[in-house]
Amino acid sequence: MITKEQAIDTLKSLGYYVDNLWHIDDVQQNYNLDNDDAYEVLDRIMQSEYMVSSIFEMIDLEVKEIENE
């Protein structure tokens, strides 16, 4: 079995952004949900049209800023 750090390092080496990970504990610290429901909350948020479009919009803004430097 690999450690969390090894998994993160592997994903990062493959080009995935993993410096900001969310955990079911982030949901459960404020809400009394079981693990499956807490995961579903995160899943719905991360896959929402709003979240995805916001991330791509921010990527566009950051790239334009880098190109203008």
PDB file of N, CA and C in Angstrom:
ATOM      1  N   MET A   1       0.838  -1.185   0.000  1.00  0.00           N
ATOM      2  CA  MET A   1       0.000   0.000   0.000  1.00  0.00           C
ATOM      3  C   MET A   1       0.884   1.250   0.000  1.00  0.00           C
ATOM      4  N   ILE A   2       0.489   2.237  -0.804  1.00  0.00           N
ATOM      5  CA  ILE A   2       1.277   3.463  -0.869  1.00  0.00           C
ATOM      6  C   ILE A   2       0.722   4.491   0.120  1.00  0.00           C
ATOM      7  N   THR A   3       1.570   5.417   0.498  1.00  0.00           N
ATOM      8  CA  THR A   3       1.150   6.466   1.419  1.00  0.00           C
ATOM      9  C   THR A   3       0.429   7.569   0.660  1.00  0.00           C
ATOM     10  N   LYS A   4      -0.242   8.425   1.406  1.00  0.00           N
ATOM     11  CA  LYS A   4      -0.906   9.584   0.804  1.00  0.00           C
ATOM     12  C   LYS A   4       0.106  10.438   0.063  1.00  0.00           C
ATOM     13  N   GLU A   5       1.265  10.647   0.668  1.00  0.00           N
ATOM     14  CA  GLU A   5       2.300  11.474   0.048  1.00  0.00           C
ATOM     15  C   GLU A   5       2.796  10.863  -1.253  1.00  0.00           C
ATOM     16  N   GLN A   6       2.956   9.539  -1.282  1.00  0.00           N
ATOM     17  CA  GLN A   6       3.381   8.875  -2.513  1.00  0.00           C
ATOM     18  C   GLN A   6       2.324   9.019  -3.608  1.00  0.00           C
ATOM     19  N   ALA A   7       1.065   8.896  -3.232  1.00  0.00           N
ATOM     20  CA  ALA A   7      -0.020   9.049  -4.201  1.00  0.00           C
ATOM     21  C   ALA A   7      -0.037  10.464  -4.763  1.00  0.00           C
ATOM     22  N   ILE A   8       0.125  11.442  -3.890  1.00  0.00           N
ATOM     23  CA  ILE A   8       0.153  12.837  -4.324  1.00  0.00           C
ATOM     24  C   ILE A   8       1.343  13.077  -5.250  1.00  0.00           C
ATOM     25  N   ASP A   9       2.509  12.585  -4.869  1.00  0.00           N
ATOM     26  CA  ASP A   9       3.702  12.751  -5.705  1.00  0.00           C
ATOM     27  C   ASP A   9       3.515  12.121  -7.078  1.00  0.00           C
ATOM     28  N   THR A  10       2.903  10.939  -7.110  1.00  0.00           N
ATOM     29  CA  THR A  10       2.666  10.249  -8.381  1.00  0.00           C
ATOM     30  C   THR A  10       1.733  11.059  -9.264  1.00  0.00           C
ATOM     31  N   LEU A  11       0.619  11.504  -8.708  1.00  0.00           N
ATOM     32  CA  LEU A  11      -0.325  12.293  -9.489  1.00  0.00           C
ATOM     33  C   LEU A  11       0.295  13.601  -9.970  1.00  0.00           C
ATOM     34  N   LYS A  12       1.051  14.257  -9.089  1.00  0.00           N
ATOM     35  CA  LYS A  12       1.709  15.516  -9.468  1.00  0.00           C
ATOM     36  C   LYS A  12       2.691  15.277 -10.612  1.00  0.00           C
ATOM     37  N   SER A  13       3.434  14.167 -10.568  1.00  0.00           N
ATOM     38  CA  SER A  13       4.404  13.870 -11.632  1.00  0.00           C
ATOM     39  C   SER A  13       3.718  13.594 -12.966  1.00  0.00           C
ATOM     40  N   LEU A  14       2.424  13.251 -12.919  1.00  0.00           N
ATOM     41  CA  LEU A  14       1.642  13.008 -14.136  1.00  0.00           C
ATOM     42  C   LEU A  14       0.902  14.268 -14.606  1.00  0.00           C
ATOM     43  N   GLY A  15       1.147  15.394 -13.908  1.00  0.00           N
ATOM     44  CA  GLY A  15       0.579  16.660 -14.341  1.00  0.00           C
ATOM     45  C   GLY A  15      -0.703  17.077 -13.637  1.00  0.00           C
ATOM     46  N   TYR A  16      -1.150  16.327 -12.652  1.00  0.00           N
ATOM     47  CA  TYR A  16      -2.370  16.692 -11.935  1.00  0.00           C
ATOM     48  C   TYR A  16      -2.060  17.709 -10.849  1.00  0.00           C
ATOM     49  N   TYR A  17      -2.980  18.656 -10.649  1.00  0.00           N
ATOM     50  CA  TYR A  17      -2.833  19.626  -9.571  1.00  0.00           C
ATOM     51  C   TYR A  17      -3.399  19.008  -8.298  1.00  0.00           C
ATOM     52  N   VAL A  18      -2.564  18.846  -7.306  1.00  0.00           N
ATOM     53  CA  VAL A  18      -2.989  18.169  -6.075  1.00  0.00           C
ATOM     54  C   VAL A  18      -2.586  18.944  -4.816  1.00  0.00           C
ATOM     55  N   ASP A  19      -2.303  20.229  -4.979  1.00  0.00           N
ATOM     56  CA  ASP A  19      -1.866  21.018  -3.830  1.00  0.00           C
ATOM     57  C   ASP A  19      -3.024  21.524  -2.975  1.00  0.00           C
ATOM     58  N   ASN A  20      -4.246  21.312  -3.404  1.00  0.00           N
ATOM     59  CA  ASN A  20      -5.411  21.712  -2.637  1.00  0.00           C
ATOM     60  C   ASN A  20      -6.434  20.581  -2.723  1.00  0.00           C
ATOM     61  N   LEU A  21      -6.364  19.678  -1.783  1.00  0.00           N
ATOM     62  CA  LEU A  21      -7.264  18.530  -1.773  1.00  0.00           C
ATOM     63  C   LEU A  21      -8.356  18.735  -0.732  1.00  0.00           C
ATOM     64  N   TRP A  22      -9.551  18.327  -1.071  1.00  0.00           N
ATOM     65  CA  TRP A  22     -10.674  18.405  -0.152  1.00  0.00           C
ATOM     66  C   TRP A  22     -10.957  17.013   0.393  1.00  0.00           C
ATOM     67  N   HIS A  23     -11.417  16.956   1.616  1.00  0.00           N
ATOM     68  CA  HIS A  23     -11.675  15.687   2.302  1.00  0.00           C
ATOM     69  C   HIS A  23     -13.079  15.721   2.886  1.00  0.00           C
ATOM     70  N   ILE A  24     -13.673  14.562   3.067  1.00  0.00           N
ATOM     71  CA  ILE A  24     -15.012  14.507   3.642  1.00  0.00           C
ATOM     72  C   ILE A  24     -15.052  15.167   5.020  1.00  0.00           C
ATOM     73  N   ASP A  25     -13.920  15.191   5.713  1.00  0.00           N
ATOM     74  CA  ASP A  25     -13.867  15.875   7.018  1.00  0.00           C
ATOM     75  C   ASP A  25     -14.189  17.359   6.888  1.00  0.00           C
ATOM     76  N   ASP A  26     -13.861  17.961   5.729  1.00  0.00           N
ATOM     77  CA  ASP A  26     -14.162  19.371   5.515  1.00  0.00           C
ATOM     78  C   ASP A  26     -15.668  19.621   5.527  1.00  0.00           C
ATOM     79  N   VAL A  27     -16.433  18.649   5.095  1.00  0.00           N
ATOM     80  CA  VAL A  27     -17.892  18.743   5.126  1.00  0.00           C
ATOM     81  C   VAL A  27     -18.402  18.373   6.525  1.00  0.00           C
ATOM     82  N   GLN A  28     -17.864  17.296   7.058  1.00  0.00           N
ATOM     83  CA  GLN A  28     -18.369  16.769   8.324  1.00  0.00           C
ATOM     84  C   GLN A  28     -18.031  17.642   9.528  1.00  0.00           C
ATOM     85  N   GLN A  29     -17.084  18.564   9.397  1.00  0.00           N
ATOM     86  CA  GLN A  29     -16.767  19.422  10.537  1.00  0.00           C
ATOM     87  C   GLN A  29     -17.925  20.363  10.874  1.00  0.00           C
ATOM     88  N   ASN A  30     -18.773  20.630   9.888  1.00  0.00           N
ATOM     89  CA  ASN A  30     -19.909  21.525  10.113  1.00  0.00           C
ATOM     90  C   ASN A  30     -21.266  20.859   9.966  1.00  0.00           C
ATOM     91  N   TYR A  31     -21.289  19.648   9.425  1.00  0.00           N
ATOM     92  CA  TYR A  31     -22.553  18.979   9.165  1.00  0.00           C
ATOM     93  C   TYR A  31     -22.472  17.524   9.597  1.00  0.00           C
ATOM     94  N   ASN A  32     -23.556  17.036  10.146  1.00  0.00           N
ATOM     95  CA  ASN A  32     -23.612  15.669  10.633  1.00  0.00           C
ATOM     96  C   ASN A  32     -24.030  14.731   9.496  1.00  0.00           C
ATOM     97  N   LEU A  33     -23.079  14.442   8.623  1.00  0.00           N
ATOM     98  CA  LEU A  33     -23.330  13.561   7.478  1.00  0.00           C
ATOM     99  C   LEU A  33     -22.418  12.358   7.560  1.00  0.00           C
ATOM    100  N   ASP A  34     -22.914  11.214   7.056  1.00  0.00           N
ATOM    101  CA  ASP A  34     -22.029  10.053   7.008  1.00  0.00           C
ATOM    102  C   ASP A  34     -21.030  10.228   5.869  1.00  0.00           C
ATOM    103  N   ASN A  35     -20.064   9.335   5.785  1.00  0.00           N
ATOM    104  CA  ASN A  35     -18.983   9.464   4.800  1.00  0.00           C
ATOM    105  C   ASN A  35     -19.499   9.528   3.371  1.00  0.00           C
ATOM    106  N   ASP A  36     -20.467   8.681   3.043  1.00  0.00           N
ATOM    107  CA  ASP A  36     -20.989   8.656   1.672  1.00  0.00           C
ATOM    108  C   ASP A  36     -21.683   9.963   1.306  1.00  0.00           C
ATOM    109  N   ASP A  37     -22.488  10.486   2.214  1.00  0.00           N
ATOM    110  CA  ASP A  37     -23.186  11.740   1.938  1.00  0.00           C
ATOM    111  C   ASP A  37     -22.211  12.912   1.864  1.00  0.00           C
ATOM    112  N   ALA A  38     -21.216  12.921   2.741  1.00  0.00           N
ATOM    113  CA  ALA A  38     -20.216  13.989   2.702  1.00  0.00           C
ATOM    114  C   ALA A  38     -19.444  13.945   1.391  1.00  0.00           C
ATOM    115  N   TYR A  39     -19.116  12.741   0.922  1.00  0.00           N
ATOM    116  CA  TYR A  39     -18.422  12.606  -0.354  1.00  0.00           C
ATOM    117  C   TYR A  39     -19.309  13.084  -1.502  1.00  0.00           C
ATOM    118  N   GLU A  40     -20.588  12.758  -1.430  1.00  0.00           N
ATOM    119  CA  GLU A  40     -21.517  13.183  -2.479  1.00  0.00           C
ATOM    120  C   GLU A  40     -21.610  14.708  -2.547  1.00  0.00           C
ATOM    121  N   VAL A  41     -21.602  15.361  -1.388  1.00  0.00           N
ATOM    122  CA  VAL A  41     -21.607  16.830  -1.364  1.00  0.00           C
ATOM    123  C   VAL A  41     -20.392  17.361  -2.119  1.00  0.00           C
ATOM    124  N   LEU A  42     -19.208  16.850  -1.782  1.00  0.00           N
ATOM    125  CA  LEU A  42     -17.990  17.291  -2.474  1.00  0.00           C
ATOM    126  C   LEU A  42     -18.061  16.986  -3.965  1.00  0.00           C
ATOM    127  N   ASP A  43     -18.548  15.817  -4.307  1.00  0.00           N
ATOM    128  CA  ASP A  43     -18.632  15.408  -5.707  1.00  0.00           C
ATOM    129  C   ASP A  43     -19.549  16.335  -6.497  1.00  0.00           C
ATOM    130  N   ARG A  44     -20.691  16.653  -5.942  1.00  0.00           N
ATOM    131  CA  ARG A  44     -21.628  17.551  -6.632  1.00  0.00           C
ATOM    132  C   ARG A  44     -21.016  18.936  -6.824  1.00  0.00           C
ATOM    133  N   ILE A  45     -20.344  19.419  -5.795  1.00  0.00           N
ATOM    134  CA  ILE A  45     -19.740  20.747  -5.886  1.00  0.00           C
ATOM    135  C   ILE A  45     -18.629  20.769  -6.926  1.00  0.00           C
ATOM    136  N   MET A  46     -17.718  19.809  -6.841  1.00  0.00           N
ATOM    137  CA  MET A  46     -16.559  19.807  -7.733  1.00  0.00           C
ATOM    138  C   MET A  46     -16.942  19.577  -9.190  1.00  0.00           C
ATOM    139  N   GLN A  47     -18.043  18.887  -9.425  1.00  0.00           N
ATOM    140  CA  GLN A  47     -18.475  18.630 -10.795  1.00  0.00           C
ATOM    141  C   GLN A  47     -19.564  19.586 -11.273  1.00  0.00           C
ATOM    142  N   SER A  48     -19.910  20.557 -10.441  1.00  0.00           N
ATOM    143  CA  SER A  48     -20.973  21.491 -10.825  1.00  0.00           C
ATOM    144  C   SER A  48     -20.519  22.361 -11.994  1.00  0.00           C
ATOM    145  N   GLU A  49     -21.472  22.757 -12.795  1.00  0.00           N
ATOM    146  CA  GLU A  49     -21.170  23.625 -13.939  1.00  0.00           C
ATOM    147  C   GLU A  49     -20.532  24.926 -13.467  1.00  0.00           C
ATOM    148  N   TYR A  50     -21.017  25.467 -12.347  1.00  0.00           N
ATOM    149  CA  TYR A  50     -20.470  26.707 -11.808  1.00  0.00           C
ATOM    150  C   TYR A  50     -18.989  26.557 -11.466  1.00  0.00           C
ATOM    151  N   MET A  51     -18.646  25.481 -10.764  1.00  0.00           N
ATOM    152  CA  MET A  51     -17.261  25.285 -10.327  1.00  0.00           C
ATOM    153  C   MET A  51     -16.341  25.088 -11.533  1.00  0.00           C
ATOM    154  N   VAL A  52     -16.744  24.243 -12.451  1.00  0.00           N
ATOM    155  CA  VAL A  52     -15.919  23.958 -13.624  1.00  0.00           C
ATOM    156  C   VAL A  52     -15.732  25.218 -14.468  1.00  0.00           C
ATOM    157  N   SER A  53     -16.812  25.948 -14.712  1.00  0.00           N
ATOM    158  CA  SER A  53     -16.679  27.152 -15.527  1.00  0.00           C
ATOM    159  C   SER A  53     -15.857  28.224 -14.799  1.00  0.00           C
ATOM    160  N   SER A  54     -15.994  28.310 -13.472  1.00  0.00           N
ATOM    161  CA  SER A  54     -15.198  29.274 -12.703  1.00  0.00           C
ATOM    162  C   SER A  54     -13.712  28.962 -12.793  1.00  0.00           C
ATOM    163  N   ILE A  55     -13.368  27.697 -12.697  1.00  0.00           N
ATOM    164  CA  ILE A  55     -11.960  27.308 -12.787  1.00  0.00           C
ATOM    165  C   ILE A  55     -11.401  27.640 -14.166  1.00  0.00           C
ATOM    166  N   PHE A  56     -12.134  27.302 -15.222  1.00  0.00           N
ATOM    167  CA  PHE A  56     -11.642  27.609 -16.565  1.00  0.00           C
ATOM    168  C   PHE A  56     -11.548  29.119 -16.795  1.00  0.00           C
ATOM    169  N   GLU A  57     -12.485  29.874 -16.239  1.00  0.00           N
ATOM    170  CA  GLU A  57     -12.422  31.332 -16.359  1.00  0.00           C
ATOM    171  C   GLU A  57     -11.180  31.874 -15.657  1.00  0.00           C
ATOM    172  N   MET A  58     -10.872  31.355 -14.479  1.00  0.00           N
ATOM    173  CA  MET A  58      -9.694  31.789 -13.745  1.00  0.00           C
ATOM    174  C   MET A  58      -8.412  31.369 -14.463  1.00  0.00           C
ATOM    175  N   ILE A  59      -8.414  30.192 -15.066  1.00  0.00           N
ATOM    176  CA  ILE A  59      -7.250  29.762 -15.859  1.00  0.00           C
ATOM    177  C   ILE A  59      -7.010  30.762 -16.980  1.00  0.00           C
ATOM    178  N   ASP A  60      -8.081  31.128 -17.697  1.00  0.00           N
ATOM    179  CA  ASP A  60      -7.947  32.102 -18.786  1.00  0.00           C
ATOM    180  C   ASP A  60      -7.363  33.420 -18.285  1.00  0.00           C
ATOM    181  N   LEU A  61      -7.870  33.920 -17.165  1.00  0.00           N
ATOM    182  CA  LEU A  61      -7.380  35.190 -16.616  1.00  0.00           C
ATOM    183  C   LEU A  61      -5.911  35.111 -16.222  1.00  0.00           C
ATOM    184  N   GLU A  62      -5.516  34.022 -15.587  1.00  0.00           N
ATOM    185  CA  GLU A  62      -4.123  33.864 -15.153  1.00  0.00           C
ATOM    186  C   GLU A  62      -3.182  33.732 -16.334  1.00  0.00           C
ATOM    187  N   VAL A  63      -3.590  32.984 -17.352  1.00  0.00           N
ATOM    188  CA  VAL A  63      -2.748  32.828 -18.545  1.00  0.00           C
ATOM    189  C   VAL A  63      -2.575  34.175 -19.239  1.00  0.00           C
ATOM    190  N   LYS A  64      -3.645  34.949 -19.367  1.00  0.00           N
ATOM    191  CA  LYS A  64      -3.547  36.272 -19.982  1.00  0.00           C
ATOM    192  C   LYS A  64      -2.617  37.172 -19.188  1.00  0.00           C
ATOM    193  N   GLU A  65      -2.677  37.080 -17.869  1.00  0.00           N
ATOM    194  CA  GLU A  65      -1.788  37.889 -17.042  1.00  0.00           C
ATOM    195  C   GLU A  65      -0.324  37.487 -17.251  1.00  0.00           C
ATOM    196  N   ILE A  66      -0.067  36.195 -17.334  1.00  0.00           N
ATOM    197  CA  ILE A  66       1.296  35.711 -17.573  1.00  0.00           C
ATOM    198  C   ILE A  66       1.777  36.168 -18.948  1.00  0.00           C
ATOM    199  N   GLU A  67       0.906  36.088 -19.943  1.00  0.00           N
ATOM    200  CA  GLU A  67       1.290  36.492 -21.297  1.00  0.00           C
ATOM    201  C   GLU A  67       1.572  37.989 -21.389  1.00  0.00           C
ATOM    202  N   ASN A  68       0.966  38.780 -20.509  1.00  0.00           N
ATOM    203  CA  ASN A  68       1.151  40.235 -20.538  1.00  0.00           C
ATOM    204  C   ASN A  68       2.356  40.690 -19.713  1.00  0.00           C
ATOM    205  N   GLU A  69       3.009  39.798 -19.038  1.00  0.00           N
ATOM    206  CA  GLU A  69       4.171  40.181 -18.213  1.00  0.00           C
ATOM    207  C   GLU A  69       5.379  40.456 -19.068  1.00  0.00           C
TER     208      GLU A  69
END
